């Protein structure tokens, strides 16, 4: 991670915003997107590893 975040505060000292390194922000967004995809797929049935590999081979996406 880059430099620490800096908070923007109002006159009462309440945090109202944040400044952070753009690369760190992009990593956070990517993590959130990954978590959203996981949440969307959490009820999908699972597949055994060997069955998954066989399907990839059948689709021509994996070679021995």
Protein backbone atom coordinates (compact mmCIF):
# COMPACT_ATOMS: atom_id res chain seq x y z
CA UNK A 1 0.00 0.00 0.00
CA UNK A 2 1.04 3.56 -0.60
CA UNK A 3 1.17 6.43 1.83
CA UNK A 4 -1.43 6.55 4.58
CA UNK A 5 -4.81 8.05 3.88
CA UNK A 6 -5.57 11.65 4.82
CA UNK A 7 -8.97 12.60 6.14
CA UNK A 8 -10.88 15.74 5.26
CA UNK A 9 -12.82 17.15 8.19
CA UNK A 10 -15.45 19.82 8.61
CA UNK A 11 -15.18 22.68 11.09
CA UNK A 12 -16.43 20.43 13.91
CA UNK A 13 -13.74 17.84 13.20
CA UNK A 14 -16.14 15.31 11.67
CA UNK A 15 -14.53 13.26 8.92
CA UNK A 16 -16.26 14.06 5.63
CA UNK A 17 -13.85 12.71 3.04
CA UNK A 18 -10.62 10.91 2.43
CA UNK A 19 -7.57 11.33 0.21
CA UNK A 20 -5.65 8.23 -0.75
CA UNK A 21 -3.24 6.94 -3.36
CA UNK A 22 -5.05 6.16 -6.62
CA UNK A 23 -3.47 2.69 -6.89
CA UNK A 24 -4.73 1.84 -3.39
CA UNK A 25 -8.20 3.08 -4.33
CA UNK A 26 -8.24 0.96 -7.48
CA UNK A 27 -7.17 -2.11 -5.46
CA UNK A 28 -10.02 -1.48 -3.02
CA UNK A 29 -12.54 -1.19 -5.86
CA UNK A 30 -11.24 -4.42 -7.40
CA UNK A 31 -11.59 -6.18 -4.05
CA UNK A 32 -15.16 -4.91 -3.70
CA UNK A 33 -16.02 -6.14 -7.19
CA UNK A 34 -14.54 -9.55 -6.36
CA UNK A 35 -16.57 -9.74 -3.15
CA UNK A 36 -19.74 -8.78 -5.02
CA UNK A 37 -19.12 -11.55 -7.57
CA UNK A 38 -18.58 -14.06 -4.75
CA UNK A 39 -21.79 -12.96 -3.05
CA UNK A 40 -23.74 -13.28 -6.32
CA UNK A 41 -22.48 -16.83 -6.85
CA UNK A 42 -22.57 -18.17 -3.28
CA UNK A 43 -25.65 -20.31 -3.92
CA UNK A 44 -24.36 -21.92 -7.10
CA UNK A 45 -23.69 -25.64 -6.87
CA UNK A 46 -20.09 -26.73 -6.47
CA UNK A 47 -18.20 -28.99 -8.86
CA UNK A 48 -15.50 -31.50 -7.95
CA UNK A 49 -12.03 -30.40 -9.02
CA UNK A 50 -11.47 -33.34 -11.38
CA UNK A 51 -14.87 -32.79 -13.02
CA UNK A 52 -13.96 -29.12 -13.52
CA UNK A 53 -10.65 -30.06 -15.14
CA UNK A 54 -12.40 -32.56 -17.41
CA UNK A 55 -14.87 -29.89 -18.54
CA UNK A 56 -12.02 -27.47 -19.30
CA UNK A 57 -10.33 -30.20 -21.35
CA UNK A 58 -13.58 -30.96 -23.20
CA UNK A 59 -13.97 -27.26 -24.01
CA UNK A 60 -10.39 -27.11 -25.30
CA UNK A 61 -9.35 -24.67 -22.59
CA UNK A 62 -6.90 -27.00 -20.87
CA UNK A 63 -4.38 -29.37 -22.35
CA UNK A 64 -2.43 -32.12 -20.61
